[in-house]
Amino acid sequence: MSLRSHARIAGAGYLIIIISGIFAEFFVRSRLLVAGDPAATARNILASESLYRAGMAGDLVMLLADVVVAVALFFVFKEVSRSLALLAAFLRLAQGAVLGANLLNLYIPLLLLGGTASPAAFDAAQIEALASVFLTAHGYGYVLGLVFFGLHCAVLGALIVRSRLVPRILGILLFLASVGYLADTFGRTLLANYEAYAGTFQLIVFIPAFVGELALALWLLIKGV
């Protein structure tokens, strides 16, 4: 396959990741999960179980596309630096492995709330609270996966700047996104009062990450290299 074909596969895969990720997080979980209210969250999940499961399916699609993108980007940038291209691919695959295992934290609430795996000694309120713990753990597991993705963005940004296969500004945006991802993850880990700064951290992550990754996806899909 030509370099341009690999680039367009990477761009298409990247768009699938963005669309499926936004669907799962913002159109499903943000609608169903109510912060600080396990009972309302449980009611929402049971009332819209198909939507909840569709969100999990969206996550699976995103992870499968991640594998395709990791391999395609390796072939695009291997002539720039084979070692860095391999490192970028392995970091992206490591993120996928973490997020794949983290999906268990979404399956377990279904088992608990549906009665399949509900402890007999627990009442309804306790089961709802336990399900909420797993849903909260999923959020933290997602953040842990972003450590590897943040490092991937830094390496990919360096490859883009060195290669001149795509505009350098996209590499710079990815590097800024990397800083944001890592700052957010370590902020959650180190700061007991992280919630007081959550908005600032998320703003630092969102702007360069969304703009840089969407622009890279469109460039690779439409222009190639």
N, C-alpha and C. Protein backbone atom coordinates (compact mmCIF):
# COMPACT_ATOMS: atom_id res chain seq x y z
N MET A 1 0.84 -1.20 0.00
CA MET A 1 0.00 0.00 0.00
C MET A 1 0.87 1.24 0.00
N SER A 2 0.37 2.30 -0.61
CA SER A 2 1.13 3.54 -0.68
C SER A 2 1.07 4.27 0.65
N LEU A 3 2.01 5.21 0.80
CA LEU A 3 2.03 6.04 2.00
C LEU A 3 0.72 6.80 2.16
N ARG A 4 0.22 7.31 1.04
CA ARG A 4 -1.03 8.08 1.09
C ARG A 4 -2.21 7.20 1.51
N SER A 5 -2.22 5.95 1.07
CA SER A 5 -3.31 5.04 1.46
C SER A 5 -3.28 4.80 2.97
N HIS A 6 -2.07 4.57 3.52
CA HIS A 6 -1.96 4.40 4.96
C HIS A 6 -2.42 5.66 5.69
N ALA A 7 -2.07 6.82 5.16
CA ALA A 7 -2.46 8.07 5.79
C ALA A 7 -3.98 8.21 5.80
N ARG A 8 -4.62 7.85 4.72
CA ARG A 8 -6.08 8.00 4.65
C ARG A 8 -6.78 6.97 5.55
N ILE A 9 -6.21 5.80 5.67
CA ILE A 9 -6.76 4.83 6.62
C ILE A 9 -6.64 5.37 8.05
N ALA A 10 -5.48 5.96 8.36
CA ALA A 10 -5.30 6.55 9.69
C ALA A 10 -6.30 7.68 9.92
N GLY A 11 -6.52 8.53 8.91
CA GLY A 11 -7.47 9.63 9.05
C GLY A 11 -8.88 9.14 9.26
N ALA A 12 -9.29 8.12 8.48
CA ALA A 12 -10.64 7.58 8.63
C ALA A 12 -10.82 6.94 10.00
N GLY A 13 -9.79 6.18 10.43
CA GLY A 13 -9.86 5.57 11.75
C GLY A 13 -9.93 6.59 12.86
N TYR A 14 -9.18 7.68 12.69
CA TYR A 14 -9.17 8.75 13.70
C TYR A 14 -10.55 9.39 13.81
N LEU A 15 -11.21 9.60 12.67
CA LEU A 15 -12.56 10.17 12.71
C LEU A 15 -13.54 9.23 13.39
N ILE A 16 -13.40 7.93 13.15
CA ILE A 16 -14.25 6.95 13.82
C ILE A 16 -14.04 7.01 15.33
N ILE A 17 -12.78 7.14 15.75
CA ILE A 17 -12.46 7.25 17.18
C ILE A 17 -13.14 8.47 17.79
N ILE A 18 -13.01 9.61 17.11
CA ILE A 18 -13.58 10.85 17.64
C ILE A 18 -15.10 10.76 17.74
N ILE A 19 -15.74 10.26 16.67
CA ILE A 19 -17.20 10.20 16.65
C ILE A 19 -17.72 9.20 17.69
N SER A 20 -17.14 8.00 17.72
CA SER A 20 -17.63 6.99 18.66
C SER A 20 -17.33 7.38 20.10
N GLY A 21 -16.18 8.02 20.34
CA GLY A 21 -15.84 8.46 21.69
C GLY A 21 -16.79 9.54 22.18
N ILE A 22 -17.08 10.52 21.32
CA ILE A 22 -18.01 11.59 21.69
C ILE A 22 -19.41 11.01 21.94
N PHE A 23 -19.82 10.08 21.10
CA PHE A 23 -21.14 9.45 21.29
C PHE A 23 -21.22 8.76 22.65
N ALA A 24 -20.22 7.92 22.95
CA ALA A 24 -20.26 7.14 24.19
C ALA A 24 -20.21 8.03 25.43
N GLU A 25 -19.37 9.05 25.39
CA GLU A 25 -19.16 9.86 26.60
C GLU A 25 -20.20 10.95 26.76
N PHE A 26 -20.52 11.67 25.67
CA PHE A 26 -21.36 12.86 25.80
C PHE A 26 -22.82 12.62 25.47
N PHE A 27 -23.11 11.67 24.58
CA PHE A 27 -24.50 11.42 24.22
C PHE A 27 -25.11 10.27 25.01
N VAL A 28 -24.27 9.49 25.68
CA VAL A 28 -24.79 8.37 26.48
C VAL A 28 -24.53 8.60 27.96
N ARG A 29 -23.26 8.51 28.37
CA ARG A 29 -22.98 8.54 29.80
C ARG A 29 -23.32 9.88 30.46
N SER A 30 -23.09 10.98 29.76
CA SER A 30 -23.41 12.28 30.37
C SER A 30 -24.92 12.45 30.55
N ARG A 31 -25.72 11.71 29.77
CA ARG A 31 -27.18 11.78 29.90
C ARG A 31 -27.70 10.85 30.98
N LEU A 32 -27.01 9.73 31.19
CA LEU A 32 -27.53 8.71 32.10
C LEU A 32 -26.96 8.80 33.51
N LEU A 33 -25.71 9.20 33.63
CA LEU A 33 -25.05 9.20 34.94
C LEU A 33 -25.29 10.54 35.63
N VAL A 34 -25.80 10.46 36.86
CA VAL A 34 -26.09 11.66 37.65
C VAL A 34 -25.10 11.71 38.80
N ALA A 35 -24.22 12.70 38.79
CA ALA A 35 -23.19 12.80 39.80
C ALA A 35 -23.80 12.94 41.19
N GLY A 36 -23.32 12.11 42.13
CA GLY A 36 -23.76 12.19 43.51
C GLY A 36 -25.13 11.61 43.78
N ASP A 37 -25.75 10.94 42.80
CA ASP A 37 -27.10 10.38 42.99
C ASP A 37 -27.14 8.97 42.40
N PRO A 38 -26.67 7.96 43.15
CA PRO A 38 -26.66 6.58 42.65
C PRO A 38 -28.05 6.07 42.27
N ALA A 39 -29.08 6.48 43.02
CA ALA A 39 -30.42 5.99 42.74
C ALA A 39 -30.92 6.50 41.39
N ALA A 40 -30.71 7.79 41.11
CA ALA A 40 -31.13 8.34 39.82
C ALA A 40 -30.34 7.72 38.68
N THR A 41 -29.05 7.52 38.90
CA THR A 41 -28.22 6.87 37.88
C THR A 41 -28.72 5.47 37.58
N ALA A 42 -29.04 4.70 38.63
CA ALA A 42 -29.55 3.34 38.44
C ALA A 42 -30.86 3.35 37.67
N ARG A 43 -31.75 4.27 38.01
CA ARG A 43 -33.04 4.35 37.29
C ARG A 43 -32.81 4.67 35.81
N ASN A 44 -31.90 5.59 35.55
CA ASN A 44 -31.63 5.97 34.16
C ASN A 44 -31.07 4.79 33.37
N ILE A 45 -30.15 4.06 33.97
CA ILE A 45 -29.53 2.93 33.26
C ILE A 45 -30.57 1.86 32.97
N LEU A 46 -31.38 1.52 33.97
CA LEU A 46 -32.38 0.47 33.77
C LEU A 46 -33.48 0.90 32.80
N ALA A 47 -33.80 2.20 32.80
CA ALA A 47 -34.83 2.69 31.88
C ALA A 47 -34.32 2.82 30.46
N SER A 48 -33.01 3.00 30.30
CA SER A 48 -32.41 3.17 28.97
C SER A 48 -31.24 2.21 28.79
N GLU A 49 -31.50 0.94 29.09
CA GLU A 49 -30.42 -0.05 29.04
C GLU A 49 -29.84 -0.18 27.63
N SER A 50 -30.70 -0.10 26.62
CA SER A 50 -30.21 -0.21 25.24
C SER A 50 -29.25 0.92 24.90
N LEU A 51 -29.57 2.12 25.36
CA LEU A 51 -28.68 3.26 25.12
C LEU A 51 -27.37 3.08 25.86
N TYR A 52 -27.45 2.61 27.10
CA TYR A 52 -26.24 2.36 27.90
C TYR A 52 -25.33 1.34 27.19
N ARG A 53 -25.95 0.26 26.69
CA ARG A 53 -25.17 -0.76 25.98
C ARG A 53 -24.61 -0.21 24.67
N ALA A 54 -25.37 0.67 24.01
CA ALA A 54 -24.86 1.29 22.78
C ALA A 54 -23.62 2.12 23.08
N GLY A 55 -23.59 2.77 24.24
CA GLY A 55 -22.40 3.51 24.63
C GLY A 55 -21.20 2.60 24.79
N MET A 56 -21.40 1.43 25.39
CA MET A 56 -20.30 0.47 25.53
C MET A 56 -19.85 -0.03 24.15
N ALA A 57 -20.81 -0.25 23.27
CA ALA A 57 -20.45 -0.66 21.91
C ALA A 57 -19.64 0.42 21.22
N GLY A 58 -20.00 1.69 21.45
CA GLY A 58 -19.23 2.79 20.89
C GLY A 58 -17.79 2.78 21.39
N ASP A 59 -17.62 2.46 22.67
CA ASP A 59 -16.27 2.36 23.21
C ASP A 59 -15.49 1.23 22.53
N LEU A 60 -16.14 0.10 22.28
CA LEU A 60 -15.47 -1.01 21.61
C LEU A 60 -15.05 -0.65 20.20
N VAL A 61 -15.93 0.04 19.48
CA VAL A 61 -15.59 0.50 18.13
C VAL A 61 -14.39 1.43 18.18
N MET A 62 -14.38 2.33 19.15
CA MET A 62 -13.28 3.27 19.31
C MET A 62 -11.96 2.53 19.54
N LEU A 63 -11.98 1.49 20.38
CA LEU A 63 -10.75 0.76 20.68
C LEU A 63 -10.26 -0.04 19.48
N LEU A 64 -11.19 -0.62 18.72
CA LEU A 64 -10.79 -1.35 17.51
C LEU A 64 -10.18 -0.40 16.48
N ALA A 65 -10.79 0.78 16.35
CA ALA A 65 -10.23 1.78 15.43
C ALA A 65 -8.86 2.25 15.89
N ASP A 66 -8.65 2.30 17.20
CA ASP A 66 -7.35 2.70 17.74
C ASP A 66 -6.24 1.77 17.26
N VAL A 67 -6.53 0.48 17.21
CA VAL A 67 -5.53 -0.49 16.74
C VAL A 67 -5.18 -0.21 15.28
N VAL A 68 -6.21 0.03 14.46
CA VAL A 68 -5.99 0.32 13.04
C VAL A 68 -5.16 1.59 12.88
N VAL A 69 -5.50 2.62 13.65
CA VAL A 69 -4.77 3.89 13.55
C VAL A 69 -3.33 3.73 14.00
N ALA A 70 -3.09 2.97 15.06
CA ALA A 70 -1.73 2.76 15.54
C ALA A 70 -0.85 2.13 14.47
N VAL A 71 -1.40 1.12 13.78
CA VAL A 71 -0.62 0.44 12.73
C VAL A 71 -0.43 1.35 11.52
N ALA A 72 -1.51 2.03 11.10
CA ALA A 72 -1.42 2.89 9.92
C ALA A 72 -0.43 4.04 10.14
N LEU A 73 -0.45 4.66 11.33
CA LEU A 73 0.48 5.75 11.61
C LEU A 73 1.92 5.26 11.64
N PHE A 74 2.11 4.03 12.09
CA PHE A 74 3.47 3.48 12.05
C PHE A 74 4.00 3.44 10.62
N PHE A 75 3.19 2.97 9.69
CA PHE A 75 3.64 2.89 8.30
C PHE A 75 3.82 4.27 7.68
N VAL A 76 3.04 5.25 8.14
CA VAL A 76 3.20 6.61 7.61
C VAL A 76 4.53 7.21 8.04
N PHE A 77 4.92 6.99 9.30
CA PHE A 77 6.07 7.71 9.86
C PHE A 77 7.32 6.85 10.08
N LYS A 78 7.30 5.59 9.66
CA LYS A 78 8.45 4.73 9.96
C LYS A 78 9.72 5.18 9.25
N GLU A 79 9.59 5.84 8.09
CA GLU A 79 10.78 6.30 7.39
C GLU A 79 11.36 7.57 8.03
N VAL A 80 10.56 8.25 8.84
CA VAL A 80 11.06 9.42 9.57
C VAL A 80 11.94 8.96 10.72
N SER A 81 11.43 8.04 11.52
CA SER A 81 12.19 7.42 12.61
C SER A 81 11.47 6.14 12.99
N ARG A 82 12.05 5.03 12.64
CA ARG A 82 11.39 3.75 12.91
C ARG A 82 11.20 3.53 14.41
N SER A 83 12.21 3.90 15.21
CA SER A 83 12.10 3.68 16.65
C SER A 83 11.01 4.55 17.27
N LEU A 84 10.92 5.82 16.86
CA LEU A 84 9.88 6.68 17.39
C LEU A 84 8.49 6.26 16.90
N ALA A 85 8.42 5.82 15.64
CA ALA A 85 7.13 5.35 15.11
C ALA A 85 6.65 4.11 15.86
N LEU A 86 7.59 3.20 16.19
CA LEU A 86 7.24 2.02 16.99
C LEU A 86 6.79 2.42 18.38
N LEU A 87 7.52 3.37 18.99
CA LEU A 87 7.16 3.82 20.32
C LEU A 87 5.76 4.43 20.33
N ALA A 88 5.47 5.26 19.33
CA ALA A 88 4.13 5.86 19.24
C ALA A 88 3.05 4.79 19.11
N ALA A 89 3.32 3.76 18.29
CA ALA A 89 2.34 2.69 18.10
C ALA A 89 2.12 1.92 19.39
N PHE A 90 3.21 1.57 20.09
CA PHE A 90 3.08 0.79 21.32
C PHE A 90 2.37 1.59 22.41
N LEU A 91 2.64 2.90 22.49
CA LEU A 91 1.96 3.72 23.49
C LEU A 91 0.46 3.77 23.21
N ARG A 92 0.09 3.87 21.94
CA ARG A 92 -1.34 3.91 21.59
C ARG A 92 -1.99 2.56 21.89
N LEU A 93 -1.29 1.46 21.61
CA LEU A 93 -1.83 0.14 21.90
C LEU A 93 -1.93 -0.10 23.40
N ALA A 94 -0.97 0.44 24.17
CA ALA A 94 -1.04 0.32 25.63
C ALA A 94 -2.27 1.04 26.17
N GLN A 95 -2.54 2.22 25.60
CA GLN A 95 -3.76 2.93 25.99
C GLN A 95 -5.00 2.08 25.71
N GLY A 96 -5.03 1.45 24.53
CA GLY A 96 -6.17 0.61 24.17
C GLY A 96 -6.35 -0.55 25.12
N ALA A 97 -5.23 -1.16 25.57
CA ALA A 97 -5.32 -2.28 26.50
C ALA A 97 -5.90 -1.83 27.84
N VAL A 98 -5.45 -0.67 28.33
CA VAL A 98 -5.96 -0.14 29.60
C VAL A 98 -7.45 0.17 29.49
N LEU A 99 -7.85 0.84 28.42
CA LEU A 99 -9.25 1.22 28.25
C LEU A 99 -10.13 0.00 28.01
N GLY A 100 -9.58 -1.02 27.34
CA GLY A 100 -10.35 -2.25 27.12
C GLY A 100 -10.65 -2.94 28.44
N ALA A 101 -9.63 -3.07 29.29
CA ALA A 101 -9.85 -3.67 30.61
C ALA A 101 -10.80 -2.81 31.45
N ASN A 102 -10.71 -1.50 31.27
CA ASN A 102 -11.54 -0.58 32.04
C ASN A 102 -13.03 -0.70 31.70
N LEU A 103 -13.35 -1.26 30.52
CA LEU A 103 -14.76 -1.44 30.16
C LEU A 103 -15.50 -2.36 31.12
N LEU A 104 -14.75 -3.22 31.85
CA LEU A 104 -15.39 -4.07 32.85
C LEU A 104 -16.14 -3.23 33.89
N ASN A 105 -15.63 -2.03 34.16
CA ASN A 105 -16.29 -1.16 35.13
C ASN A 105 -17.63 -0.64 34.62
N LEU A 106 -17.90 -0.80 33.32
CA LEU A 106 -19.22 -0.47 32.78
C LEU A 106 -20.14 -1.70 32.74
N TYR A 107 -19.56 -2.88 32.55
CA TYR A 107 -20.36 -4.10 32.52
C TYR A 107 -20.88 -4.48 33.91
N ILE A 108 -20.03 -4.31 34.93
CA ILE A 108 -20.39 -4.75 36.28
C ILE A 108 -21.65 -4.05 36.81
N PRO A 109 -21.83 -2.73 36.63
CA PRO A 109 -23.09 -2.12 37.09
C PRO A 109 -24.33 -2.75 36.46
N LEU A 110 -24.24 -3.16 35.20
CA LEU A 110 -25.38 -3.85 34.57
C LEU A 110 -25.70 -5.16 35.30
N LEU A 111 -24.64 -5.89 35.66
CA LEU A 111 -24.85 -7.15 36.37
C LEU A 111 -25.45 -6.91 37.75
N LEU A 112 -24.96 -5.87 38.42
CA LEU A 112 -25.47 -5.57 39.76
C LEU A 112 -26.92 -5.09 39.73
N LEU A 113 -27.20 -4.11 38.85
CA LEU A 113 -28.53 -3.52 38.82
C LEU A 113 -29.56 -4.46 38.21
N GLY A 114 -29.11 -5.35 37.32
CA GLY A 114 -30.03 -6.30 36.71
C GLY A 114 -30.31 -7.51 37.57
N GLY A 115 -29.61 -7.63 38.70
CA GLY A 115 -29.83 -8.75 39.61
C GLY A 115 -29.01 -9.97 39.32
N THR A 116 -28.25 -9.95 38.21
CA THR A 116 -27.47 -11.13 37.83
C THR A 116 -26.38 -11.44 38.83
N ALA A 117 -25.74 -10.39 39.35
CA ALA A 117 -24.62 -10.59 40.28
C ALA A 117 -24.80 -9.76 41.54
N SER A 118 -26.04 -9.48 41.92
CA SER A 118 -26.28 -8.66 43.10
C SER A 118 -26.05 -9.47 44.37
N PRO A 119 -25.24 -8.98 45.30
CA PRO A 119 -25.02 -9.69 46.56
C PRO A 119 -26.33 -9.80 47.34
N ALA A 120 -26.65 -11.01 47.82
CA ALA A 120 -27.93 -11.23 48.49
C ALA A 120 -28.06 -10.43 49.78
N ALA A 121 -26.92 -10.13 50.42
CA ALA A 121 -26.96 -9.43 51.70
C ALA A 121 -27.15 -7.93 51.55
N PHE A 122 -27.10 -7.41 50.32
CA PHE A 122 -27.20 -5.97 50.10
C PHE A 122 -28.64 -5.59 49.75
N ASP A 123 -29.08 -4.43 50.27
CA ASP A 123 -30.38 -3.93 49.86
C ASP A 123 -30.23 -3.10 48.59
N ALA A 124 -31.35 -2.58 48.07
CA ALA A 124 -31.34 -1.88 46.78
C ALA A 124 -30.42 -0.66 46.81
N ALA A 125 -30.49 0.11 47.90
CA ALA A 125 -29.66 1.32 47.98
C ALA A 125 -28.18 0.99 47.99
N GLN A 126 -27.81 -0.09 48.67
CA GLN A 126 -26.40 -0.49 48.72
C GLN A 126 -25.92 -0.98 47.35
N ILE A 127 -26.77 -1.70 46.64
CA ILE A 127 -26.41 -2.17 45.30
C ILE A 127 -26.23 -0.99 44.35
N GLU A 128 -27.13 0.00 44.45
CA GLU A 128 -27.00 1.20 43.62
C GLU A 128 -25.71 1.95 43.94
N ALA A 129 -25.37 2.03 45.22
CA ALA A 129 -24.13 2.71 45.61
C ALA A 129 -22.92 1.96 45.10
N LEU A 130 -22.96 0.62 45.15
CA LEU A 130 -21.84 -0.18 44.65
C LEU A 130 -21.69 -0.01 43.14
N ALA A 131 -22.81 0.00 42.42
CA ALA A 131 -22.75 0.22 40.97
C ALA A 131 -22.14 1.58 40.67
N SER A 132 -22.49 2.58 41.48
CA SER A 132 -21.94 3.92 41.29
C SER A 132 -20.44 3.95 41.49
N VAL A 133 -19.94 3.14 42.42
CA VAL A 133 -18.48 3.06 42.64
C VAL A 133 -17.78 2.57 41.37
N PHE A 134 -18.33 1.54 40.74
CA PHE A 134 -17.72 1.02 39.51
C PHE A 134 -17.78 2.05 38.38
N LEU A 135 -18.87 2.80 38.30
CA LEU A 135 -18.97 3.84 37.27
C LEU A 135 -17.95 4.95 37.51
N THR A 136 -17.73 5.29 38.78
CA THR A 136 -16.71 6.28 39.11
C THR A 136 -15.33 5.74 38.78
N ALA A 137 -15.11 4.46 39.08
CA ALA A 137 -13.82 3.84 38.78
C ALA A 137 -13.55 3.84 37.29
N HIS A 138 -14.61 3.71 36.48
CA HIS A 138 -14.42 3.76 35.03
C HIS A 138 -13.85 5.11 34.61
N GLY A 139 -14.34 6.19 35.21
CA GLY A 139 -13.81 7.51 34.88
C GLY A 139 -12.33 7.62 35.20
N TYR A 140 -11.92 7.08 36.34
CA TYR A 140 -10.50 7.13 36.69
C TYR A 140 -9.67 6.20 35.80
N GLY A 141 -10.24 5.06 35.44
CA GLY A 141 -9.52 4.16 34.53
C GLY A 141 -9.28 4.79 33.18
N TYR A 142 -10.27 5.56 32.73
CA TYR A 142 -10.14 6.27 31.46
C TYR A 142 -8.99 7.27 31.53
N VAL A 143 -8.90 7.97 32.67
CA VAL A 143 -7.83 8.95 32.85
C VAL A 143 -6.47 8.27 32.87
N LEU A 144 -6.38 7.09 33.47
CA LEU A 144 -5.10 6.36 33.49
C LEU A 144 -4.67 5.98 32.08
N GLY A 145 -5.63 5.58 31.25
CA GLY A 145 -5.30 5.26 29.87
C GLY A 145 -4.76 6.46 29.12
N LEU A 146 -5.21 7.66 29.51
CA LEU A 146 -4.77 8.87 28.82
C LEU A 146 -3.31 9.22 29.13
N VAL A 147 -2.72 8.61 30.15
CA VAL A 147 -1.28 8.80 30.36
C VAL A 147 -0.52 8.28 29.15
N PHE A 148 -0.87 7.06 28.73
CA PHE A 148 -0.20 6.47 27.57
C PHE A 148 -0.55 7.24 26.30
N PHE A 149 -1.81 7.70 26.20
CA PHE A 149 -2.19 8.45 25.02
C PHE A 149 -1.49 9.80 24.98
N GLY A 150 -1.33 10.44 26.13
CA GLY A 150 -0.62 11.70 26.18
C GLY A 150 0.81 11.56 25.69
N LEU A 151 1.48 10.50 26.13
CA LEU A 151 2.85 10.25 25.66
C LEU A 151 2.86 9.94 24.17
N HIS A 152 1.85 9.21 23.71
CA HIS A 152 1.72 8.93 22.27
C HIS A 152 1.62 10.23 21.48
N CYS A 153 0.81 11.17 21.97
CA CYS A 153 0.65 12.45 21.27
C CYS A 153 1.97 13.21 21.21
N ALA A 154 2.77 13.14 22.29
CA ALA A 154 4.07 13.83 22.29
C ALA A 154 5.00 13.25 21.24
N VAL A 155 5.05 11.92 21.17
CA VAL A 155 5.93 11.26 20.19
C VAL A 155 5.43 11.50 18.77
N LEU A 156 4.11 11.39 18.58
CA LEU A 156 3.54 11.63 17.25
C LEU A 156 3.76 13.08 16.83
N GLY A 157 3.63 14.00 17.77
CA GLY A 157 3.88 15.41 17.46
C GLY A 157 5.31 15.63 17.01
N ALA A 158 6.26 14.96 17.68
CA ALA A 158 7.67 15.07 17.29
C ALA A 158 7.89 14.51 15.90
N LEU A 159 7.24 13.39 15.59
CA LEU A 159 7.37 12.80 14.25
C LEU A 159 6.81 13.74 13.18
N ILE A 160 5.68 14.36 13.47
CA ILE A 160 5.08 15.28 12.50
C ILE A 160 5.99 16.47 12.23
N VAL A 161 6.54 17.05 13.30
CA VAL A 161 7.42 18.21 13.14
C VAL A 161 8.67 17.85 12.34
N ARG A 162 9.22 16.67 12.60
CA ARG A 162 10.44 16.25 11.90
C ARG A 162 10.17 15.85 10.45
N SER A 163 8.98 15.34 10.18
CA SER A 163 8.72 14.73 8.87
C SER A 163 8.37 15.74 7.78
N ARG A 164 7.61 16.75 8.13
CA ARG A 164 7.03 17.68 7.17
C ARG A 164 6.06 16.99 6.20
N LEU A 165 5.58 15.82 6.59
CA LEU A 165 4.57 15.13 5.77
C LEU A 165 3.22 15.80 5.91
N VAL A 166 2.98 16.39 7.07
CA VAL A 166 1.76 17.15 7.32
C VAL A 166 2.19 18.47 7.97
N PRO A 167 1.32 19.45 8.04
CA PRO A 167 1.73 20.76 8.59
C PRO A 167 2.30 20.65 10.00
N ARG A 168 3.37 21.36 10.25
CA ARG A 168 4.03 21.31 11.55
C ARG A 168 3.12 21.76 12.70
N ILE A 169 2.21 22.68 12.41
CA ILE A 169 1.34 23.20 13.46
C ILE A 169 0.53 22.08 14.10
N LEU A 170 0.21 21.02 13.33
CA LEU A 170 -0.54 19.91 13.88
C LEU A 170 0.30 19.15 14.90
N GLY A 171 1.60 19.02 14.63
CA GLY A 171 2.50 18.39 15.59
C GLY A 171 2.61 19.20 16.87
N ILE A 172 2.65 20.51 16.74
CA ILE A 172 2.73 21.39 17.92
C ILE A 172 1.45 21.28 18.75
N LEU A 173 0.30 21.24 18.08
CA LEU A 173 -0.96 21.09 18.80
C LEU A 173 -1.03 19.76 19.54
N LEU A 174 -0.53 18.70 18.91
CA LEU A 174 -0.52 17.39 19.58
C LEU A 174 0.40 17.41 20.79
N PHE A 175 1.53 18.10 20.68
CA PHE A 175 2.43 18.19 21.82
C PHE A 175 1.76 18.95 22.97
N LEU A 176 1.05 20.03 22.65
CA LEU A 176 0.32 20.77 23.69
C LEU A 176 -0.78 19.90 24.31
N ALA A 177 -1.45 19.11 23.47
CA ALA A 177 -2.45 18.19 23.99
C ALA A 177 -1.82 17.18 24.93
N SER A 178 -0.62 16.71 24.59
CA SER A 178 0.09 15.77 25.45
C SER A 178 0.33 16.37 26.83
N VAL A 179 0.79 17.61 26.85
CA VAL A 179 1.02 18.29 28.13
C VAL A 179 -0.28 18.37 28.94
N GLY A 180 -1.38 18.68 28.26
CA GLY A 180 -2.67 18.77 28.92
C GLY A 180 -3.12 17.44 29.50
N TYR A 181 -3.02 16.36 28.69
CA TYR A 181 -3.42 15.03 29.17
C TYR A 181 -2.63 14.63 30.41
N LEU A 182 -1.32 14.81 30.35
CA LEU A 182 -0.48 14.40 31.47
C LEU A 182 -0.74 15.27 32.71
N ALA A 183 -0.92 16.58 32.50
CA ALA A 183 -1.20 17.46 33.63
C ALA A 183 -2.52 17.08 34.30
N ASP A 184 -3.53 16.77 33.49
CA ASP A 184 -4.83 16.40 34.04
C ASP A 184 -4.74 15.11 34.84
N THR A 185 -4.07 14.10 34.28
CA THR A 185 -3.97 12.81 34.97
C THR A 185 -3.21 12.93 36.28
N PHE A 186 -2.05 13.58 36.24
CA PHE A 186 -1.27 13.72 37.47
C PHE A 186 -1.94 14.69 38.45
N GLY A 187 -2.71 15.64 37.93
CA GLY A 187 -3.48 16.50 38.81
C GLY A 187 -4.52 15.70 39.59
N ARG A 188 -5.24 14.82 38.90
CA ARG A 188 -6.21 13.96 39.57
C ARG A 188 -5.55 13.06 40.61
N THR A 189 -4.33 12.62 40.30
CA THR A 189 -3.63 11.68 41.18
C THR A 189 -3.05 12.37 42.41
N LEU A 190 -2.49 13.56 42.22
CA LEU A 190 -1.72 14.20 43.28
C LEU A 190 -2.54 15.19 44.12
N LEU A 191 -3.59 15.79 43.54
CA LEU A 191 -4.31 16.85 44.24
C LEU A 191 -5.56 16.30 44.93
N ALA A 192 -5.60 16.45 46.24
CA ALA A 192 -6.79 16.02 46.97
C ALA A 192 -7.99 16.90 46.63
N ASN A 193 -7.73 18.16 46.29
CA ASN A 193 -8.81 19.09 45.93
C ASN A 193 -8.85 19.33 44.42
N TYR A 194 -8.65 18.26 43.66
CA TYR A 194 -8.62 18.37 42.19
C TYR A 194 -9.88 19.04 41.65
N GLU A 195 -11.04 18.75 42.23
CA GLU A 195 -12.30 19.27 41.70
C GLU A 195 -12.30 20.80 41.62
N ALA A 196 -11.53 21.44 42.51
CA ALA A 196 -11.47 22.90 42.49
C ALA A 196 -10.78 23.42 41.23
N TYR A 197 -9.95 22.59 40.62
CA TYR A 197 -9.20 23.00 39.43
C TYR A 197 -9.63 22.22 38.18
N ALA A 198 -10.65 21.37 38.29
CA ALA A 198 -11.02 20.48 37.20
C ALA A 198 -11.32 21.25 35.92
N GLY A 199 -12.06 22.35 36.03
CA GLY A 199 -12.41 23.13 34.84
C GLY A 199 -11.19 23.64 34.11
N THR A 200 -10.19 24.11 34.86
CA THR A 200 -8.96 24.62 34.25
C THR A 200 -8.21 23.51 33.54
N PHE A 201 -8.06 22.37 34.21
CA PHE A 201 -7.35 21.25 33.60
C PHE A 201 -8.05 20.79 32.33
N GLN A 202 -9.36 20.68 32.37
CA GLN A 202 -10.09 20.18 31.21
C GLN A 202 -10.02 21.15 30.04
N LEU A 203 -9.98 22.46 30.35
CA LEU A 203 -9.84 23.45 29.28
C LEU A 203 -8.46 23.34 28.63
N ILE A 204 -7.43 23.10 29.44
CA ILE A 204 -6.07 22.94 28.92
C ILE A 204 -6.00 21.74 27.99
N VAL A 205 -6.73 20.68 28.33
CA VAL A 205 -6.73 19.47 27.52
C VAL A 205 -7.57 19.65 26.27
N PHE A 206 -8.79 20.16 26.43
CA PHE A 206 -9.79 20.08 25.37
C PHE A 206 -9.41 20.85 24.12
N ILE A 207 -8.97 22.09 24.27
CA ILE A 207 -8.77 22.93 23.08
C ILE A 207 -7.69 22.38 22.15
N PRO A 208 -6.43 22.17 22.63
CA PRO A 208 -5.42 21.64 21.70
C PRO A 208 -5.72 20.21 21.25
N ALA A 209 -6.30 19.39 22.16
CA ALA A 209 -6.57 18.00 21.82
C ALA A 209 -7.63 17.90 20.73
N PHE A 210 -8.77 18.56 20.94
CA PHE A 210 -9.85 18.44 19.97
C PHE A 210 -9.47 19.07 18.63
N VAL A 211 -8.92 20.27 18.68
CA VAL A 211 -8.55 20.96 17.44
C VAL A 211 -7.44 20.20 16.72
N GLY A 212 -6.40 19.82 17.46
CA GLY A 212 -5.25 19.14 16.84
C GLY A 212 -5.61 17.78 16.27
N GLU A 213 -6.35 16.98 17.03
CA GLU A 213 -6.67 15.62 16.58
C GLU A 213 -7.68 15.64 15.44
N LEU A 214 -8.69 16.51 15.53
CA LEU A 214 -9.67 16.59 14.44
C LEU A 214 -9.01 17.11 13.17
N ALA A 215 -8.15 18.13 13.29
CA ALA A 215 -7.47 18.67 12.11
C ALA A 215 -6.55 17.61 11.49
N LEU A 216 -5.84 16.85 12.34
CA LEU A 216 -4.96 15.80 11.82
C LEU A 216 -5.77 14.73 11.10
N ALA A 217 -6.89 14.32 11.70
CA ALA A 217 -7.74 13.30 11.07
C ALA A 217 -8.23 13.76 9.70
N LEU A 218 -8.71 14.99 9.62
CA LEU A 218 -9.23 15.50 8.35
C LEU A 218 -8.11 15.66 7.32
N TRP A 219 -6.95 16.14 7.77
CA TRP A 219 -5.84 16.31 6.84
C TRP A 219 -5.41 14.97 6.25
N LEU A 220 -5.24 13.97 7.11
CA LEU A 220 -4.80 12.65 6.64
C LEU A 220 -5.85 12.03 5.71
N LEU A 221 -7.12 12.23 6.03
CA LEU A 221 -8.18 11.62 5.22
C LEU A 221 -8.33 12.32 3.87
N ILE A 222 -8.27 13.64 3.87
CA ILE A 222 -8.54 14.40 2.64
C ILE A 222 -7.28 14.65 1.82
N LYS A 223 -6.24 15.12 2.48
CA LYS A 223 -5.00 15.48 1.78
C LYS A 223 -3.99 14.34 1.71
N GLY A 224 -4.04 13.45 2.69
CA GLY A 224 -3.01 12.39 2.74
C GLY A 224 -1.72 12.97 3.27
N VAL A 225 -0.60 12.64 2.63
CA VAL A 225 0.71 13.18 3.04
C VAL A 225 1.42 13.71 1.79
